[in-house]
Structures are given as structure tokens and as C-alpha cells.
């Protein structure tokens, strides 16, 4: 049994939040520039898996434990941020021909999935949002499992739709810059955006 009145409010609420620029959306746009829309879907798979895990953990109270041990969470953030910064530096240093030819084939699916997963689970705003948002949309008079399943499914679909839009924008920017010497700037823009996401993740 589900409370459809609550769900009807939750859907536009989370769509609006997902569409707001943040770490995961910036990562989607960056990878849309870097590897194209199709390969960016592997990152999105990792991201929505991470977001679903965060939502489930927040609902089950794991977040409360992390609040009591912030040093562990801080370590996860720093490691995740360092990983993304390293990727950004690699993008910056890539030769002009790498973006146009080799890079889309060389980036592995596991690497892309891990980028999305790490960004999702190490995002403190994601945890704070799930802790604050989910409880008001759960009806305590009804079974929790089907409600939580529905909410997490809505979250995953919303994230996927919004990241697709951001990645499509990145792909368009790539097409505009992937000519002549502009390819070098495309590498550098992608690298800077990726490094900014890493710094954002580590220091937020």
C-alpha cells in the first residue's frame, strides 16, 4: 500500500532538487564532454546505485552512525576527492588527439561506474538531503518497505533523467570544441571541471 498523495508531492520535489547543479550533475556534464553520452551512462549507473544506497542507509539509520563518527566520513570524502582530482589532472594533460580518438574507447566501464558511485556516496549534501527529505514522505501507518522502494525508484529515475540532460549539454559543447586546436581546450575544460568536483567533494 502506498500514500499516493505523498508520492505526488515527492516526485516534483525530487525532480527539482535533482535538476539543481551539484557534484553529480557537474560530473555528468564533464563526462558528456569527455566520453560522450552513451559511455556516460556507465557513470550514471554507478551514481544512481550510490544514491539508492545512500537513501536506503539514511532511512535505516546508518547515517546516524556516520554523524557520530565524522572522521570516517571525512576520510571517505578526501579519498573520493583525491581520486577525482587525479582524473582531472589526467584530462588536463591529455594530448589533443586523445580526446578526439582514443579517450572514448580507453575509459573503462568500471572506472566510469566508480566515479559516479564514489561521488554519490561521499557527497555530504546527499546524505543530509536524504535524512531530511525521506522521513516526511513516509506514512508510518502503512508498510515501510513498499513506500521506501517506491521513493528510491523515483529518486533513481529523477537522477538519471537530470544527468542525461546535463551529459547531453556536455556532448553538445564537445561537438562545438572538437575541431582543430580547440580540442586542447576541451581537454583542459573537462580536466578543470573534474578537479573542481574533486575539490568540492573533499572540502564540502
C-alpha atoms as a PDB file:
ATOM      1  CA  UNK A   1       0.000   0.000   0.000  1.00  0.00           C
ATOM      2  CA  UNK A   2       1.225   3.478  -0.876  1.00  0.00           C
ATOM      3  CA  UNK A   3       0.203   7.004   0.019  1.00  0.00           C
ATOM      4  CA  UNK A   4      -0.246   8.450  -3.464  1.00  0.00           C
ATOM      5  CA  UNK A   5      -0.833  11.947  -2.148  1.00  0.00           C
ATOM      6  CA  UNK A   6       2.663  11.971  -0.634  1.00  0.00           C
ATOM      7  CA  UNK A   7       4.150  10.443  -3.787  1.00  0.00           C
ATOM      8  CA  UNK A   8       2.515  13.105  -5.973  1.00  0.00           C
ATOM      9  CA  UNK A   9       4.331  15.771  -3.945  1.00  0.00           C
ATOM     10  CA  UNK A  10       7.618  13.851  -3.701  1.00  0.00           C
ATOM     11  CA  UNK A  11       8.045  13.406  -7.480  1.00  0.00           C
ATOM     12  CA  UNK A  12       8.204  17.122  -8.458  1.00  0.00           C
ATOM     13  CA  UNK A  13      10.129  17.914  -5.275  1.00  0.00           C
ATOM     14  CA  UNK A  14      12.927  15.487  -6.047  1.00  0.00           C
ATOM     15  CA  UNK A  15      12.957  16.333  -9.749  1.00  0.00           C
ATOM     16  CA  UNK A  16      13.577  19.954  -8.819  1.00  0.00           C
ATOM     17  CA  UNK A  17      16.346  19.022  -6.400  1.00  0.00           C
ATOM     18  CA  UNK A  18      17.976  16.649  -8.896  1.00  0.00           C
ATOM     19  CA  UNK A  19      17.957  19.316 -11.600  1.00  0.00           C
ATOM     20  CA  UNK A  20      19.827  21.750  -9.362  1.00  0.00           C
ATOM     21  CA  UNK A  21      23.529  21.921 -10.339  1.00  0.00           C
ATOM     22  CA  UNK A  22      25.656  19.868  -7.985  1.00  0.00           C
ATOM     23  CA  UNK A  23      28.556  17.451  -7.901  1.00  0.00           C
ATOM     24  CA  UNK A  24      26.858  14.613  -9.778  1.00  0.00           C
ATOM     25  CA  UNK A  25      25.335  16.875 -12.425  1.00  0.00           C
ATOM     26  CA  UNK A  26      28.675  18.591 -12.988  1.00  0.00           C
ATOM     27  CA  UNK A  27      30.318  15.179 -13.315  1.00  0.00           C
ATOM     28  CA  UNK A  28      27.688  14.130 -15.875  1.00  0.00           C
ATOM     29  CA  UNK A  29      28.293  17.257 -17.954  1.00  0.00           C
ATOM     30  CA  UNK A  30      32.061  16.786 -17.750  1.00  0.00           C
ATOM     31  CA  UNK A  31      31.913  13.167 -18.876  1.00  0.00           C
ATOM     32  CA  UNK A  32      29.421  14.079 -21.590  1.00  0.00           C
ATOM     33  CA  UNK A  33      32.173  16.322 -22.949  1.00  0.00           C
ATOM     34  CA  UNK A  34      34.883  13.761 -22.320  1.00  0.00           C
ATOM     35  CA  UNK A  35      33.458  10.442 -23.497  1.00  0.00           C
ATOM     36  CA  UNK A  36      30.030  11.213 -24.961  1.00  0.00           C
ATOM     37  CA  UNK A  37      26.514  10.456 -23.763  1.00  0.00           C
ATOM     38  CA  UNK A  38      26.466   6.686 -24.291  1.00  0.00           C
ATOM     39  CA  UNK A  39      29.556   5.961 -22.204  1.00  0.00           C
ATOM     40  CA  UNK A  40      28.482   8.480 -19.556  1.00  0.00           C
ATOM     41  CA  UNK A  41      25.536   6.190 -18.825  1.00  0.00           C
ATOM     42  CA  UNK A  42      28.026   3.849 -17.114  1.00  0.00           C
ATOM     43  CA  UNK A  43      28.885   6.652 -14.694  1.00  0.00           C
ATOM     44  CA  UNK A  44      25.167   7.279 -14.221  1.00  0.00           C
ATOM     45  CA  UNK A  45      24.666   3.610 -13.338  1.00  0.00           C
ATOM     46  CA  UNK A  46      27.251   3.945 -10.581  1.00  0.00           C
ATOM     47  CA  UNK A  47      25.757   7.249  -9.417  1.00  0.00           C
ATOM     48  CA  UNK A  48      22.160   6.055  -9.155  1.00  0.00           C
ATOM     49  CA  UNK A  49      23.368   2.920  -7.360  1.00  0.00           C
ATOM     50  CA  UNK A  50      25.253   5.109  -4.893  1.00  0.00           C
ATOM     51  CA  UNK A  51      22.283   7.432  -4.409  1.00  0.00           C
ATOM     52  CA  UNK A  52      19.976   4.464  -3.823  1.00  0.00           C
ATOM     53  CA  UNK A  53      22.421   3.098  -1.244  1.00  0.00           C
ATOM     54  CA  UNK A  54      22.614   6.488   0.498  1.00  0.00           C
ATOM     55  CA  UNK A  55      18.816   6.742   0.569  1.00  0.00           C
ATOM     56  CA  UNK A  56      18.453   3.231   1.962  1.00  0.00           C
ATOM     57  CA  UNK A  57      21.201   3.748   4.548  1.00  0.00           C
ATOM     58  CA  UNK A  58      19.717   7.076   5.623  1.00  0.00           C
ATOM     59  CA  UNK A  59      16.292   5.501   6.019  1.00  0.00           C
ATOM     60  CA  UNK A  60      17.713   2.593   8.029  1.00  0.00           C
ATOM     61  CA  UNK A  61      19.667   4.843  10.368  1.00  0.00           C
ATOM     62  CA  UNK A  62      23.220   4.235   9.139  1.00  0.00           C
ATOM     63  CA  UNK A  63      23.552   7.976   8.653  1.00  0.00           C
ATOM     64  CA  UNK A  64      23.161   8.455  12.405  1.00  0.00           C
ATOM     65  CA  UNK A  65      26.247   6.303  12.949  1.00  0.00           C
ATOM     66  CA  UNK A  66      28.202   8.357  10.423  1.00  0.00           C
ATOM     67  CA  UNK A  67      27.193  11.532  12.221  1.00  0.00           C
ATOM     68  CA  UNK A  68      28.661  10.069  15.421  1.00  0.00           C
ATOM     69  CA  UNK A  69      31.911   9.202  13.608  1.00  0.00           C
ATOM     70  CA  UNK A  70      32.510  12.146  11.267  1.00  0.00           C
ATOM     71  CA  UNK A  71      36.217  11.332  10.935  1.00  0.00           C
ATOM     72  CA  UNK A  72      35.373   8.175   8.954  1.00  0.00           C
ATOM     73  CA  UNK A  73      33.078  10.096   6.625  1.00  0.00           C
ATOM     74  CA  UNK A  74      35.698  12.832   6.236  1.00  0.00           C
ATOM     75  CA  UNK A  75      38.264  10.220   5.165  1.00  0.00           C
ATOM     76  CA  UNK A  76      35.852   8.862   2.535  1.00  0.00           C
ATOM     77  CA  UNK A  77      35.315  12.390   1.209  1.00  0.00           C
ATOM     78  CA  UNK A  78      39.049  13.123   0.987  1.00  0.00           C
ATOM     79  CA  UNK A  79      39.817   9.859  -0.785  1.00  0.00           C
ATOM     80  CA  UNK A  80      36.977  10.349  -3.237  1.00  0.00           C
ATOM     81  CA  UNK A  81      38.002  13.948  -3.881  1.00  0.00           C
ATOM     82  CA  UNK A  82      41.637  12.977  -4.429  1.00  0.00           C
ATOM     83  CA  UNK A  83      40.556  10.301  -6.919  1.00  0.00           C
ATOM     84  CA  UNK A  84      38.515  12.789  -8.976  1.00  0.00           C
ATOM     85  CA  UNK A  85      41.285  15.422  -8.853  1.00  0.00           C
ATOM     86  CA  UNK A  86      43.753  12.837 -10.187  1.00  0.00           C
ATOM     87  CA  UNK A  87      41.364  12.068 -13.057  1.00  0.00           C
ATOM     88  CA  UNK A  88      41.029  15.811 -13.760  1.00  0.00           C
ATOM     89  CA  UNK A  89      44.808  16.230 -13.928  1.00  0.00           C
ATOM     90  CA  UNK A  90      44.980  13.322 -16.386  1.00  0.00           C
ATOM     91  CA  UNK A  91      42.351  15.019 -18.553  1.00  0.00           C
ATOM     92  CA  UNK A  92      44.248  18.330 -18.484  1.00  0.00           C
ATOM     93  CA  UNK A  93      47.482  16.663 -19.572  1.00  0.00           C
ATOM     94  CA  UNK A  94      45.873  14.588 -22.342  1.00  0.00           C
ATOM     95  CA  UNK A  95      47.156  15.372 -25.875  1.00  0.00           C
ATOM     96  CA  UNK A  96      44.774  16.899 -28.401  1.00  0.00           C
ATOM     97  CA  UNK A  97      44.337  13.629 -30.296  1.00  0.00           C
ATOM     98  CA  UNK A  98      43.356  11.692 -27.182  1.00  0.00           C
ATOM     99  CA  UNK A  99      40.016  13.416 -26.745  1.00  0.00           C
ATOM    100  CA  UNK A 100      39.023  13.071 -30.344  1.00  0.00           C
ATOM    101  CA  UNK A 101      40.014   9.463 -30.895  1.00  0.00           C
ATOM    102  CA  UNK A 102      41.387   7.333 -28.082  1.00  0.00           C
ATOM    103  CA  UNK A 103      39.733   8.514 -24.895  1.00  0.00           C
ATOM    104  CA  UNK A 104      36.127   7.355 -25.503  1.00  0.00           C
ATOM    105  CA  UNK A 105      37.377   3.788 -26.089  1.00  0.00           C
ATOM    106  CA  UNK A 106      40.009   3.761 -23.358  1.00  0.00           C
ATOM    107  CA  UNK A 107      37.882   4.767 -20.374  1.00  0.00           C
ATOM    108  CA  UNK A 108      36.671   1.528 -18.815  1.00  0.00           C
ATOM    109  CA  UNK A 109      33.129   0.889 -17.690  1.00  0.00           C
ATOM    110  CA  UNK A 110      34.252   0.042 -14.160  1.00  0.00           C
ATOM    111  CA  UNK A 111      36.197   3.312 -13.964  1.00  0.00           C
ATOM    112  CA  UNK A 112      33.170   5.304 -15.074  1.00  0.00           C
ATOM    113  CA  UNK A 113      30.866   3.476 -12.674  1.00  0.00           C
ATOM    114  CA  UNK A 114      33.284   4.010  -9.786  1.00  0.00           C
ATOM    115  CA  UNK A 115      33.455   7.754 -10.483  1.00  0.00           C
ATOM    116  CA  UNK A 116      29.677   8.030 -10.210  1.00  0.00           C
ATOM    117  CA  UNK A 117      29.412   5.724  -7.190  1.00  0.00           C
ATOM    118  CA  UNK A 118      32.161   7.471  -5.198  1.00  0.00           C
ATOM    119  CA  UNK A 119      30.741  10.916  -5.930  1.00  0.00           C
ATOM    120  CA  UNK A 120      27.283   9.832  -4.806  1.00  0.00           C
ATOM    121  CA  UNK A 121      28.195   8.117  -1.539  1.00  0.00           C
ATOM    122  CA  UNK A 122      30.791  10.707  -0.481  1.00  0.00           C
ATOM    123  CA  UNK A 123      28.524  13.701  -1.081  1.00  0.00           C
ATOM    124  CA  UNK A 124      27.603  15.113   2.360  1.00  0.00           C
ATOM    125  CA  UNK A 125      24.733  17.149   0.933  1.00  0.00           C
ATOM    126  CA  UNK A 126      23.287  13.942  -0.475  1.00  0.00           C
ATOM    127  CA  UNK A 127      23.264  12.371   2.974  1.00  0.00           C
ATOM    128  CA  UNK A 128      21.836  15.491   4.611  1.00  0.00           C
ATOM    129  CA  UNK A 129      19.149  15.721   1.969  1.00  0.00           C
ATOM    130  CA  UNK A 130      18.098  12.082   2.322  1.00  0.00           C
ATOM    131  CA  UNK A 131      17.989  12.345   6.105  1.00  0.00           C
ATOM    132  CA  UNK A 132      15.818  15.459   5.977  1.00  0.00           C
ATOM    133  CA  UNK A 133      13.652  14.648   2.943  1.00  0.00           C
ATOM    134  CA  UNK A 134      12.697  10.996   3.196  1.00  0.00           C
ATOM    135  CA  UNK A 135      11.017  10.866   6.639  1.00  0.00           C
ATOM    136  CA  UNK A 136       8.248  13.414   5.838  1.00  0.00           C
ATOM    137  CA  UNK A 137       7.229  11.361   2.801  1.00  0.00           C
ATOM    138  CA  UNK A 138       6.915   8.066   4.663  1.00  0.00           C
ATOM    139  CA  UNK A 139       3.490   7.278   6.074  1.00  0.00           C
ATOM    140  CA  UNK A 140       4.019   5.452   9.382  1.00  0.00           C
ATOM    141  CA  UNK A 141       0.517   3.975   9.211  1.00  0.00           C
ATOM    142  CA  UNK A 142       1.429   1.953   6.108  1.00  0.00           C
ATOM    143  CA  UNK A 143       4.059  -0.742   5.444  1.00  0.00           C
ATOM    144  CA  UNK A 144       7.504   0.862   5.168  1.00  0.00           C
ATOM    145  CA  UNK A 145       9.104  -1.487   2.605  1.00  0.00           C
ATOM    146  CA  UNK A 146       6.871  -0.698  -0.405  1.00  0.00           C
ATOM    147  CA  UNK A 147       6.992   3.015   0.367  1.00  0.00           C
ATOM    148  CA  UNK A 148      10.774   3.064   0.612  1.00  0.00           C
ATOM    149  CA  UNK A 149      11.074   1.004  -2.579  1.00  0.00           C
ATOM    150  CA  UNK A 150       8.868   3.462  -4.450  1.00  0.00           C
ATOM    151  CA  UNK A 151      10.710   6.523  -3.129  1.00  0.00           C
ATOM    152  CA  UNK A 152      14.121   5.099  -4.025  1.00  0.00           C
ATOM    153  CA  UNK A 153      12.878   4.159  -7.520  1.00  0.00           C
ATOM    154  CA  UNK A 154      11.636   7.739  -8.027  1.00  0.00           C
ATOM    155  CA  UNK A 155      14.983   9.095  -6.809  1.00  0.00           C
ATOM    156  CA  UNK A 156      16.932   6.887  -9.231  1.00  0.00           C
ATOM    157  CA  UNK A 157      14.754   7.807 -12.224  1.00  0.00           C
ATOM    158  CA  UNK A 158      14.917  11.532 -11.374  1.00  0.00           C
ATOM    159  CA  UNK A 159      18.707  11.436 -11.068  1.00  0.00           C
ATOM    160  CA  UNK A 160      19.034   9.523 -14.340  1.00  0.00           C
ATOM    161  CA  UNK A 161      16.820  11.962 -16.273  1.00  0.00           C
ATOM    162  CA  UNK A 162      18.630  15.036 -14.972  1.00  0.00           C
ATOM    163  CA  UNK A 163      22.117  13.590 -15.517  1.00  0.00           C
ATOM    164  CA  UNK A 164      21.111  12.664 -19.074  1.00  0.00           C
ATOM    165  CA  UNK A 165      20.149  16.285 -19.693  1.00  0.00           C
ATOM    166  CA  UNK A 166      23.454  17.565 -18.275  1.00  0.00           C
ATOM    167  CA  UNK A 167      25.503  14.987 -20.195  1.00  0.00           C
ATOM    168  CA  UNK A 168      23.691  15.896 -23.409  1.00  0.00           C
ATOM    169  CA  UNK A 169      24.684  19.523 -22.858  1.00  0.00           C
ATOM    170  CA  UNK A 170      28.281  18.426 -22.340  1.00  0.00           C
ATOM    171  CA  UNK A 171      28.163  16.378 -25.534  1.00  0.00           C
ATOM    172  CA  UNK A 172      26.957  19.451 -27.451  1.00  0.00           C
ATOM    173  CA  UNK A 173      29.805  21.516 -26.054  1.00  0.00           C
ATOM    174  CA  UNK A 174      32.227  18.786 -27.077  1.00  0.00           C
ATOM    175  CA  UNK A 175      30.917  18.907 -30.668  1.00  0.00           C
ATOM    176  CA  UNK A 176      31.439  22.665 -30.752  1.00  0.00           C
ATOM    177  CA  UNK A 177      35.009  22.437 -29.489  1.00  0.00           C
ATOM    178  CA  UNK A 178      36.219  19.208 -31.113  1.00  0.00           C
ATOM    179  CA  UNK A 179      37.809  20.894 -34.105  1.00  0.00           C
ATOM    180  CA  UNK A 180      41.411  21.921 -34.631  1.00  0.00           C
ATOM    181  CA  UNK A 181      43.273  23.360 -31.668  1.00  0.00           C
ATOM    182  CA  UNK A 182      40.021  23.683 -29.730  1.00  0.00           C
ATOM    183  CA  UNK A 183      40.416  20.024 -28.722  1.00  0.00           C
ATOM    184  CA  UNK A 184      43.210  21.050 -26.348  1.00  0.00           C
ATOM    185  CA  UNK A 185      40.834  23.471 -24.645  1.00  0.00           C
ATOM    186  CA  UNK A 186      38.168  20.769 -24.448  1.00  0.00           C
ATOM    187  CA  UNK A 187      40.635  18.553 -22.571  1.00  0.00           C
ATOM    188  CA  UNK A 188      41.503  21.401 -20.226  1.00  0.00           C
ATOM    189  CA  UNK A 189      37.902  22.440 -19.583  1.00  0.00           C
ATOM    190  CA  UNK A 190      36.999  18.824 -18.811  1.00  0.00           C
ATOM    191  CA  UNK A 191      40.031  18.495 -16.538  1.00  0.00           C
ATOM    192  CA  UNK A 192      39.290  21.697 -14.631  1.00  0.00           C
ATOM    193  CA  UNK A 193      35.636  20.727 -14.122  1.00  0.00           C
ATOM    194  CA  UNK A 194      36.648  17.284 -12.864  1.00  0.00           C
ATOM    195  CA  UNK A 195      39.219  18.789 -10.470  1.00  0.00           C
ATOM    196  CA  UNK A 196      36.599  21.260  -9.206  1.00  0.00           C
ATOM    197  CA  UNK A 197      34.228  18.382  -8.466  1.00  0.00           C
ATOM    198  CA  UNK A 198      37.031  16.645  -6.560  1.00  0.00           C
ATOM    199  CA  UNK A 199      37.871  19.761  -4.531  1.00  0.00           C
ATOM    200  CA  UNK A 200      34.179  20.384  -3.930  1.00  0.00           C
ATOM    201  CA  UNK A 201      33.747  16.837  -2.682  1.00  0.00           C
ATOM    202  CA  UNK A 202      36.801  16.941  -0.409  1.00  0.00           C
ATOM    203  CA  UNK A 203      36.108  20.322   1.179  1.00  0.00           C
ATOM    204  CA  UNK A 204      32.313  20.446   1.339  1.00  0.00           C
END
